[in-house]
């Protein structure tokens, strides 16, 4: 039986190896022209079955590498705008679950009553300030959460602005990493694109916190001042648009326009049939 082109036999044992050519535009990325691996079998049926998941995974590596290549400034801006709008929607949901002032007052009274009851029961010494404060922590209703959250917001805004001025992305690295994982994009933290992504998210985070602070004073009319969030463009990042980008690159390349960067991937079913 004739074996498919992605399989080859080597050595005296005629062991099958799976192989897949690295697309020309990705040779420099992977540092080699071909992926190959021993399947440790001389049986063709077993070799075909074992090779399939390897071929699929290698194709996915090519796709992730091309996604990284095509991730440009416009896409990064869309990521920032999406984060800004998603964060404000989350703020709306939190506010929708907040207790009314009368409810908050009642919760404080109930918590204080429970605290006094615990002291009378001998669970702690009411006259010991440290002991009292330690037990108060078990009753969050006793603390003014609005005032605490407002102070924390001011501190975070101050730090974010300081980091933006210094070009330091550490406070939003987790946001960048979450985006990359969610969209299955491989991007090294030392890559300039990763830094650009972080700085744009930093600007979006500052703007959304400014809106939250305005809302805390009853003002819902605020709008972004940062041009990054005012400029026209897609409001949401969509990884599926990359196929269109690659197709357009190929079309222009076929006409001799520009430098060919990528090809559309062959379907997995066609590859392993």
C-alpha atoms as a PDB file:
ATOM      1  CA  UNK A   1       0.000   0.000   0.000  1.00  0.00           C
ATOM      2  CA  UNK A   2       1.339   3.409  -0.957  1.00  0.00           C
ATOM      3  CA  UNK A   3       1.855   5.674   2.036  1.00  0.00           C
ATOM      4  CA  UNK A   4       0.781   9.364   2.009  1.00  0.00           C
ATOM      5  CA  UNK A   5       3.301  12.119   1.294  1.00  0.00           C
ATOM      6  CA  UNK A   6       3.511  13.224   4.932  1.00  0.00           C
ATOM      7  CA  UNK A   7       4.911   9.811   5.906  1.00  0.00           C
ATOM      8  CA  UNK A   8       8.376   8.462   5.130  1.00  0.00           C
ATOM      9  CA  UNK A   9      10.216   5.281   6.173  1.00  0.00           C
ATOM     10  CA  UNK A  10      13.760   5.284   7.491  1.00  0.00           C
ATOM     11  CA  UNK A  11      16.367   2.834   8.753  1.00  0.00           C
ATOM     12  CA  UNK A  12      16.634  -0.935   8.579  1.00  0.00           C
ATOM     13  CA  UNK A  13      13.418  -1.305  10.585  1.00  0.00           C
ATOM     14  CA  UNK A  14      11.570   0.850   8.012  1.00  0.00           C
ATOM     15  CA  UNK A  15      10.193   2.996  10.843  1.00  0.00           C
ATOM     16  CA  UNK A  16       7.654   5.594   9.789  1.00  0.00           C
ATOM     17  CA  UNK A  17       8.335   9.297  10.356  1.00  0.00           C
ATOM     18  CA  UNK A  18       5.785  12.060   9.974  1.00  0.00           C
ATOM     19  CA  UNK A  19       6.953  15.227   8.223  1.00  0.00           C
ATOM     20  CA  UNK A  20       5.448  18.596   7.398  1.00  0.00           C
ATOM     21  CA  UNK A  21       7.041  21.383   5.415  1.00  0.00           C
ATOM     22  CA  UNK A  22       7.225  24.719   7.192  1.00  0.00           C
ATOM     23  CA  UNK A  23       5.665  27.429   4.982  1.00  0.00           C
ATOM     24  CA  UNK A  24       8.296  29.663   3.446  1.00  0.00           C
ATOM     25  CA  UNK A  25       7.039  32.770   5.242  1.00  0.00           C
ATOM     26  CA  UNK A  26       7.471  31.039   8.621  1.00  0.00           C
ATOM     27  CA  UNK A  27      10.886  29.429   8.128  1.00  0.00           C
ATOM     28  CA  UNK A  28      12.626  32.326   9.873  1.00  0.00           C
ATOM     29  CA  UNK A  29      10.113  32.164  12.726  1.00  0.00           C
ATOM     30  CA  UNK A  30      10.682  28.462  13.451  1.00  0.00           C
ATOM     31  CA  UNK A  31      14.314  28.299  12.334  1.00  0.00           C
ATOM     32  CA  UNK A  32      13.807  25.216  10.176  1.00  0.00           C
ATOM     33  CA  UNK A  33      12.217  24.157   6.905  1.00  0.00           C
ATOM     34  CA  UNK A  34      10.496  21.000   8.082  1.00  0.00           C
ATOM     35  CA  UNK A  35       8.898  19.449  11.141  1.00  0.00           C
ATOM     36  CA  UNK A  36       9.587  15.739  11.530  1.00  0.00           C
ATOM     37  CA  UNK A  37       9.114  13.111  14.217  1.00  0.00           C
ATOM     38  CA  UNK A  38       9.515   9.357  14.500  1.00  0.00           C
ATOM     39  CA  UNK A  39       6.241   7.454  14.926  1.00  0.00           C
ATOM     40  CA  UNK A  40       8.081   4.376  16.244  1.00  0.00           C
ATOM     41  CA  UNK A  41       6.142   1.924  14.116  1.00  0.00           C
ATOM     42  CA  UNK A  42       6.559   0.183  10.786  1.00  0.00           C
ATOM     43  CA  UNK A  43       2.821  -0.430  10.439  1.00  0.00           C
ATOM     44  CA  UNK A  44       1.193   1.979   7.979  1.00  0.00           C
ATOM     45  CA  UNK A  45      -2.250   1.964   9.606  1.00  0.00           C
ATOM     46  CA  UNK A  46      -0.787   2.764  13.017  1.00  0.00           C
ATOM     47  CA  UNK A  47       1.489   5.414  11.534  1.00  0.00           C
ATOM     48  CA  UNK A  48      -1.422   7.213   9.835  1.00  0.00           C
ATOM     49  CA  UNK A  49      -3.422   7.232  13.065  1.00  0.00           C
ATOM     50  CA  UNK A  50      -0.501   8.485  15.171  1.00  0.00           C
ATOM     51  CA  UNK A  51       0.486  11.169  12.651  1.00  0.00           C
ATOM     52  CA  UNK A  52      -2.878  12.916  12.475  1.00  0.00           C
ATOM     53  CA  UNK A  53      -2.842  14.753  15.846  1.00  0.00           C
ATOM     54  CA  UNK A  54       0.770  15.816  15.240  1.00  0.00           C
ATOM     55  CA  UNK A  55      -0.097  17.304  11.863  1.00  0.00           C
ATOM     56  CA  UNK A  56      -3.072  19.122  13.331  1.00  0.00           C
ATOM     57  CA  UNK A  57      -0.982  20.584  16.167  1.00  0.00           C
ATOM     58  CA  UNK A  58       1.778  21.706  13.776  1.00  0.00           C
ATOM     59  CA  UNK A  59      -0.783  23.457  11.583  1.00  0.00           C
ATOM     60  CA  UNK A  60      -2.105  25.212  14.663  1.00  0.00           C
ATOM     61  CA  UNK A  61       1.410  26.370  15.475  1.00  0.00           C
ATOM     62  CA  UNK A  62       1.643  27.872  11.990  1.00  0.00           C
ATOM     63  CA  UNK A  63      -1.705  29.589  12.501  1.00  0.00           C
ATOM     64  CA  UNK A  64      -0.663  31.037  15.873  1.00  0.00           C
ATOM     65  CA  UNK A  65       2.611  32.272  14.374  1.00  0.00           C
ATOM     66  CA  UNK A  66       0.774  33.993  11.522  1.00  0.00           C
ATOM     67  CA  UNK A  67      -1.701  35.552  13.927  1.00  0.00           C
ATOM     68  CA  UNK A  68       1.237  37.103  15.755  1.00  0.00           C
ATOM     69  CA  UNK A  69       2.653  38.402  12.470  1.00  0.00           C
ATOM     70  CA  UNK A  70      -0.641  40.035  11.497  1.00  0.00           C
ATOM     71  CA  UNK A  71      -1.451  41.579  14.876  1.00  0.00           C
ATOM     72  CA  UNK A  72      -1.135  45.271  14.049  1.00  0.00           C
ATOM     73  CA  UNK A  73      -1.781  48.676  15.546  1.00  0.00           C
ATOM     74  CA  UNK A  74      -5.442  48.777  14.519  1.00  0.00           C
ATOM     75  CA  UNK A  75      -6.099  45.457  16.196  1.00  0.00           C
ATOM     76  CA  UNK A  76      -4.359  46.602  19.382  1.00  0.00           C
ATOM     77  CA  UNK A  77      -6.542  49.706  19.487  1.00  0.00           C
ATOM     78  CA  UNK A  78      -9.621  47.509  19.124  1.00  0.00           C
ATOM     79  CA  UNK A  79      -8.419  45.454  22.097  1.00  0.00           C
ATOM     80  CA  UNK A  80      -8.126  48.627  24.193  1.00  0.00           C
ATOM     81  CA  UNK A  81     -11.584  49.858  23.196  1.00  0.00           C
ATOM     82  CA  UNK A  82     -13.110  46.453  23.935  1.00  0.00           C
ATOM     83  CA  UNK A  83     -11.516  46.431  27.415  1.00  0.00           C
ATOM     84  CA  UNK A  84     -12.816  49.948  28.110  1.00  0.00           C
ATOM     85  CA  UNK A  85     -16.395  49.106  27.149  1.00  0.00           C
ATOM     86  CA  UNK A  86     -16.401  45.693  28.830  1.00  0.00           C
ATOM     87  CA  UNK A  87     -15.136  47.227  32.085  1.00  0.00           C
ATOM     88  CA  UNK A  88     -17.899  49.836  32.121  1.00  0.00           C
ATOM     89  CA  UNK A  89     -20.525  47.167  31.465  1.00  0.00           C
ATOM     90  CA  UNK A  90     -19.150  45.262  34.463  1.00  0.00           C
ATOM     91  CA  UNK A  91     -19.404  48.452  36.536  1.00  0.00           C
ATOM     92  CA  UNK A  92     -23.067  48.758  35.515  1.00  0.00           C
ATOM     93  CA  UNK A  93     -23.714  45.219  36.737  1.00  0.00           C
ATOM     94  CA  UNK A  94     -22.037  45.880  40.093  1.00  0.00           C
ATOM     95  CA  UNK A  95     -24.052  49.065  40.622  1.00  0.00           C
ATOM     96  CA  UNK A  96     -27.241  47.173  39.808  1.00  0.00           C
ATOM     97  CA  UNK A  97     -26.549  44.874  42.764  1.00  0.00           C
ATOM     98  CA  UNK A  98     -25.678  47.608  45.276  1.00  0.00           C
ATOM     99  CA  UNK A  99     -27.795  48.024  48.396  1.00  0.00           C
ATOM    100  CA  UNK A 100     -29.852  51.172  48.975  1.00  0.00           C
ATOM    101  CA  UNK A 101     -28.580  53.548  51.732  1.00  0.00           C
ATOM    102  CA  UNK A 102     -31.411  52.475  54.083  1.00  0.00           C
ATOM    103  CA  UNK A 103     -30.428  48.827  53.591  1.00  0.00           C
ATOM    104  CA  UNK A 104     -26.784  49.641  54.281  1.00  0.00           C
ATOM    105  CA  UNK A 105     -27.728  51.396  57.542  1.00  0.00           C
ATOM    106  CA  UNK A 106     -29.776  48.389  58.653  1.00  0.00           C
ATOM    107  CA  UNK A 107     -26.897  46.013  57.804  1.00  0.00           C
ATOM    108  CA  UNK A 108     -24.528  48.152  59.915  1.00  0.00           C
ATOM    109  CA  UNK A 109     -26.929  48.093  62.874  1.00  0.00           C
ATOM    110  CA  UNK A 110     -27.305  44.303  62.604  1.00  0.00           C
ATOM    111  CA  UNK A 111     -23.540  43.829  62.402  1.00  0.00           C
ATOM    112  CA  UNK A 112     -22.926  46.076  65.429  1.00  0.00           C
ATOM    113  CA  UNK A 113     -25.551  44.168  67.417  1.00  0.00           C
ATOM    114  CA  UNK A 114     -23.930  40.818  66.543  1.00  0.00           C
ATOM    115  CA  UNK A 115     -20.506  42.196  67.502  1.00  0.00           C
ATOM    116  CA  UNK A 116     -21.737  43.363  70.921  1.00  0.00           C
ATOM    117  CA  UNK A 117     -23.418  40.010  71.471  1.00  0.00           C
ATOM    118  CA  UNK A 118     -20.149  38.203  70.717  1.00  0.00           C
ATOM    119  CA  UNK A 119     -18.321  40.413  73.229  1.00  0.00           C
ATOM    120  CA  UNK A 120     -20.903  39.749  75.940  1.00  0.00           C
ATOM    121  CA  UNK A 121     -20.572  36.037  75.228  1.00  0.00           C
ATOM    122  CA  UNK A 122     -16.878  36.353  76.083  1.00  0.00           C
ATOM    123  CA  UNK A 123     -15.622  35.685  72.564  1.00  0.00           C
ATOM    124  CA  UNK A 124     -13.323  38.727  72.768  1.00  0.00           C
ATOM    125  CA  UNK A 125     -12.477  41.674  75.039  1.00  0.00           C
ATOM    126  CA  UNK A 126     -14.458  44.772  74.023  1.00  0.00           C
ATOM    127  CA  UNK A 127     -12.056  47.071  75.891  1.00  0.00           C
ATOM    128  CA  UNK A 128      -9.037  45.736  73.999  1.00  0.00           C
ATOM    129  CA  UNK A 129      -8.858  47.947  70.898  1.00  0.00           C
ATOM    130  CA  UNK A 130      -6.741  45.485  68.936  1.00  0.00           C
ATOM    131  CA  UNK A 131      -9.097  42.622  69.829  1.00  0.00           C
ATOM    132  CA  UNK A 132     -12.101  44.756  68.916  1.00  0.00           C
ATOM    133  CA  UNK A 133     -10.696  45.788  65.538  1.00  0.00           C
ATOM    134  CA  UNK A 134      -9.680  42.202  64.752  1.00  0.00           C
ATOM    135  CA  UNK A 135     -13.250  41.015  65.315  1.00  0.00           C
ATOM    136  CA  UNK A 136     -14.764  43.955  63.421  1.00  0.00           C
ATOM    137  CA  UNK A 137     -13.038  42.633  60.284  1.00  0.00           C
ATOM    138  CA  UNK A 138     -15.477  39.729  60.371  1.00  0.00           C
ATOM    139  CA  UNK A 139     -18.302  42.231  59.776  1.00  0.00           C
ATOM    140  CA  UNK A 140     -17.621  44.100  56.486  1.00  0.00           C
ATOM    141  CA  UNK A 141     -20.930  45.962  56.790  1.00  0.00           C
ATOM    142  CA  UNK A 142     -19.381  48.052  59.585  1.00  0.00           C
ATOM    143  CA  UNK A 143     -16.992  49.697  57.152  1.00  0.00           C
ATOM    144  CA  UNK A 144     -17.861  52.382  54.626  1.00  0.00           C
ATOM    145  CA  UNK A 145     -17.187  50.427  51.435  1.00  0.00           C
ATOM    146  CA  UNK A 146     -17.968  53.392  49.200  1.00  0.00           C
ATOM    147  CA  UNK A 147     -15.344  55.515  50.910  1.00  0.00           C
ATOM    148  CA  UNK A 148     -12.837  52.652  50.910  1.00  0.00           C
ATOM    149  CA  UNK A 149     -13.424  51.877  47.210  1.00  0.00           C
ATOM    150  CA  UNK A 150     -13.108  55.570  46.333  1.00  0.00           C
ATOM    151  CA  UNK A 151      -9.747  55.851  48.084  1.00  0.00           C
ATOM    152  CA  UNK A 152      -8.502  52.666  46.394  1.00  0.00           C
ATOM    153  CA  UNK A 153      -9.646  53.999  42.997  1.00  0.00           C
ATOM    154  CA  UNK A 154      -7.732  57.253  43.483  1.00  0.00           C
ATOM    155  CA  UNK A 155      -4.590  55.359  44.447  1.00  0.00           C
ATOM    156  CA  UNK A 156      -4.835  53.028  41.442  1.00  0.00           C
ATOM    157  CA  UNK A 157      -5.445  55.921  39.046  1.00  0.00           C
ATOM    158  CA  UNK A 158      -2.414  57.746  40.385  1.00  0.00           C
ATOM    159  CA  UNK A 159      -0.219  54.672  39.984  1.00  0.00           C
ATOM    160  CA  UNK A 160      -1.524  53.937  36.482  1.00  0.00           C
ATOM    161  CA  UNK A 161      -0.785  57.483  35.316  1.00  0.00           C
ATOM    162  CA  UNK A 162       2.677  57.319  36.820  1.00  0.00           C
ATOM    163  CA  UNK A 163       3.372  54.019  35.070  1.00  0.00           C
ATOM    164  CA  UNK A 164       2.005  55.327  31.772  1.00  0.00           C
ATOM    165  CA  UNK A 165       4.339  58.330  31.947  1.00  0.00           C
ATOM    166  CA  UNK A 166       7.255  55.966  32.589  1.00  0.00           C
ATOM    167  CA  UNK A 167       6.171  53.421  29.970  1.00  0.00           C
ATOM    168  CA  UNK A 168       5.940  50.712  32.643  1.00  0.00           C
ATOM    169  CA  UNK A 169       3.348  48.008  31.731  1.00  0.00           C
ATOM    170  CA  UNK A 170       3.511  45.834  34.867  1.00  0.00           C
ATOM    171  CA  UNK A 171       0.062  46.854  36.222  1.00  0.00           C
ATOM    172  CA  UNK A 172      -1.766  45.618  33.115  1.00  0.00           C
ATOM    173  CA  UNK A 173       0.336  42.619  32.122  1.00  0.00           C
ATOM    174  CA  UNK A 174      -2.388  40.327  33.468  1.00  0.00           C
ATOM    175  CA  UNK A 175      -4.916  41.972  31.117  1.00  0.00           C
ATOM    176  CA  UNK A 176      -2.611  41.485  28.126  1.00  0.00           C
ATOM    177  CA  UNK A 177      -1.937  37.862  29.067  1.00  0.00           C
ATOM    178  CA  UNK A 178      -5.659  37.148  29.481  1.00  0.00           C
ATOM    179  CA  UNK A 179      -6.334  38.578  26.015  1.00  0.00           C
ATOM    180  CA  UNK A 180      -3.568  36.505  24.388  1.00  0.00           C
ATOM    181  CA  UNK A 181      -4.728  33.294  26.062  1.00  0.00           C
ATOM    182  CA  UNK A 182      -8.371  33.964  25.205  1.00  0.00           C
ATOM    183  CA  UNK A 183      -7.532  34.450  21.518  1.00  0.00           C
ATOM    184  CA  UNK A 184      -4.826  31.747  21.382  1.00  0.00           C
ATOM    185  CA  UNK A 185      -2.146  34.197  20.300  1.00  0.00           C
ATOM    186  CA  UNK A 186       1.497  33.455  20.972  1.00  0.00           C
ATOM    187  CA  UNK A 187       3.365  36.660  21.765  1.00  0.00           C
ATOM    188  CA  UNK A 188       6.560  36.868  23.774  1.00  0.00           C
ATOM    189  CA  UNK A 189       6.635  39.530  26.494  1.00  0.00           C
ATOM    190  CA  UNK A 190       9.876  40.868  24.989  1.00  0.00           C
ATOM    191  CA  UNK A 191       8.183  41.441  21.641  1.00  0.00           C
ATOM    192  CA  UNK A 192       7.564  45.158  20.868  1.00  0.00           C
ATOM    193  CA  UNK A 193       3.947  44.280  20.018  1.00  0.00           C
ATOM    194  CA  UNK A 194       3.419  42.968  23.550  1.00  0.00           C
ATOM    195  CA  UNK A 195       4.625  46.273  24.962  1.00  0.00           C
ATOM    196  CA  UNK A 196       2.338  48.219  22.613  1.00  0.00           C
ATOM    197  CA  UNK A 197      -0.594  46.042  23.689  1.00  0.00           C
ATOM    198  CA  UNK A 198       0.137  46.708  27.377  1.00  0.00           C
ATOM    199  CA  UNK A 199       0.465  50.469  26.926  1.00  0.00           C
ATOM    200  CA  UNK A 200      -2.830  50.692  25.038  1.00  0.00           C
ATOM    201  CA  UNK A 201      -4.546  48.656  27.743  1.00  0.00           C
ATOM    202  CA  UNK A 202      -2.979  50.966  30.321  1.00  0.00           C
ATOM    203  CA  UNK A 203      -4.581  53.976  28.631  1.00  0.00           C
ATOM    204  CA  UNK A 204      -7.947  52.188  28.427  1.00  0.00           C
ATOM    205  CA  UNK A 205      -7.777  51.224  32.107  1.00  0.00           C
ATOM    206  CA  UNK A 206      -7.142  54.854  33.108  1.00  0.00           C
ATOM    207  CA  UNK A 207     -10.090  56.089  31.068  1.00  0.00           C
ATOM    208  CA  UNK A 208     -12.532  53.506  32.407  1.00  0.00           C
ATOM    209  CA  UNK A 209     -11.533  54.305  36.004  1.00  0.00           C
ATOM    210  CA  UNK A 210     -12.123  58.002  35.287  1.00  0.00           C
ATOM    211  CA  UNK A 211     -15.660  57.094  34.179  1.00  0.00           C
ATOM    212  CA  UNK A 212     -16.174  55.053  37.360  1.00  0.00           C
ATOM    213  CA  UNK A 213     -15.065  58.010  39.493  1.00  0.00           C
ATOM    214  CA  UNK A 214     -17.507  60.293  37.632  1.00  0.00           C
ATOM    215  CA  UNK A 215     -20.307  57.796  38.152  1.00  0.00           C
ATOM    216  CA  UNK A 216     -19.561  57.720  41.872  1.00  0.00           C
ATOM    217  CA  UNK A 217     -20.584  61.385  41.963  1.00  0.00           C
ATOM    218  CA  UNK A 218     -23.698  60.772  39.842  1.00  0.00           C
ATOM    219  CA  UNK A 219     -22.236  61.911  36.504  1.00  0.00           C
ATOM    220  CA  UNK A 220     -22.870  59.496  33.622  1.00  0.00           C
ATOM    221  CA  UNK A 221     -22.132  62.005  30.858  1.00  0.00           C
ATOM    222  CA  UNK A 222     -18.375  61.453  30.784  1.00  0.00           C
ATOM    223  CA  UNK A 223     -16.661  60.492  27.534  1.00  0.00           C
ATOM    224  CA  UNK A 224     -13.086  59.350  26.793  1.00  0.00           C
ATOM    225  CA  UNK A 225     -10.529  62.128  26.478  1.00  0.00           C
ATOM    226  CA  UNK A 226      -7.804  59.832  25.175  1.00  0.00           C
ATOM    227  CA  UNK A 227      -7.841  59.850  21.335  1.00  0.00           C
ATOM    228  CA  UNK A 228      -7.142  56.120  21.387  1.00  0.00           C
ATOM    229  CA  UNK A 229     -10.704  55.530  22.562  1.00  0.00           C
ATOM    230  CA  UNK A 230     -12.296  58.253  20.445  1.00  0.00           C
ATOM    231  CA  UNK A 231     -10.832  57.279  17.068  1.00  0.00           C
ATOM    232  CA  UNK A 232     -12.915  55.429  14.511  1.00  0.00           C
ATOM    233  CA  UNK A 233     -12.281  51.727  14.184  1.00  0.00           C
ATOM    234  CA  UNK A 234     -13.566  48.311  15.233  1.00  0.00           C
ATOM    235  CA  UNK A 235     -14.979  48.311  18.755  1.00  0.00           C
ATOM    236  CA  UNK A 236     -14.178  44.655  19.297  1.00  0.00           C
ATOM    237  CA  UNK A 237     -11.182  42.492  18.459  1.00  0.00           C
ATOM    238  CA  UNK A 238     -12.082  39.559  16.211  1.00  0.00           C
ATOM    239  CA  UNK A 239      -9.462  36.901  15.594  1.00  0.00           C
ATOM    240  CA  UNK A 240     -11.420  35.536  12.628  1.00  0.00           C
ATOM    241  CA  UNK A 241     -10.589  38.659  10.604  1.00  0.00           C
ATOM    242  CA  UNK A 242      -7.027  37.386  10.233  1.00  0.00           C
ATOM    243  CA  UNK A 243      -8.107  34.914   7.549  1.00  0.00           C
ATOM    244  CA  UNK A 244      -9.329  37.862   5.489  1.00  0.00           C
ATOM    245  CA  UNK A 245      -6.068  39.719   6.065  1.00  0.00           C
ATOM    246  CA  UNK A 246      -4.043  36.732   4.880  1.00  0.00           C
ATOM    247  CA  UNK A 247      -6.282  36.252   1.830  1.00  0.00           C
ATOM    248  CA  UNK A 248      -5.827  39.890   0.857  1.00  0.00           C
ATOM    249  CA  UNK A 249      -2.055  39.576   1.246  1.00  0.00           C
ATOM    250  CA  UNK A 250      -2.073  36.582  -1.069  1.00  0.00           C
ATOM    251  CA  UNK A 251      -4.234  38.379  -3.640  1.00  0.00           C
ATOM    252  CA  UNK A 252      -1.872  41.364  -3.723  1.00  0.00           C
ATOM    253  CA  UNK A 253       1.145  39.082  -3.872  1.00  0.00           C
ATOM    254  CA  UNK A 254      -0.294  37.241  -6.866  1.00  0.00           C
ATOM    255  CA  UNK A 255      -0.474  40.613  -8.601  1.00  0.00           C
ATOM    256  CA  UNK A 256       3.113  41.374  -7.658  1.00  0.00           C
ATOM    257  CA  UNK A 257       2.143  44.028  -5.126  1.00  0.00           C
ATOM    258  CA  UNK A 258       4.017  44.112  -1.818  1.00  0.00           C
ATOM    259  CA  UNK A 259       5.851  41.314  -0.011  1.00  0.00           C
ATOM    260  CA  UNK A 260       4.096  38.047   0.631  1.00  0.00           C
ATOM    261  CA  UNK A 261       3.898  37.408   4.360  1.00  0.00           C
ATOM    262  CA  UNK A 262       1.493  34.519   4.724  1.00  0.00           C
ATOM    263  CA  UNK A 263      -0.683  31.917   3.046  1.00  0.00           C
ATOM    264  CA  UNK A 264      -4.064  30.524   3.930  1.00  0.00           C
ATOM    265  CA  UNK A 265      -3.707  27.252   5.765  1.00  0.00           C
ATOM    266  CA  UNK A 266      -4.835  24.061   4.042  1.00  0.00           C
ATOM    267  CA  UNK A 267      -7.784  22.374   5.708  1.00  0.00           C
ATOM    268  CA  UNK A 268      -6.885  19.740   8.254  1.00  0.00           C
ATOM    269  CA  UNK A 269      -9.162  17.197   6.595  1.00  0.00           C
ATOM    270  CA  UNK A 270      -7.406  17.614   3.261  1.00  0.00           C
ATOM    271  CA  UNK A 271      -4.018  17.327   4.936  1.00  0.00           C
ATOM    272  CA  UNK A 272      -4.571  14.062   6.775  1.00  0.00           C
ATOM    273  CA  UNK A 273      -6.863  12.217   4.389  1.00  0.00           C
END
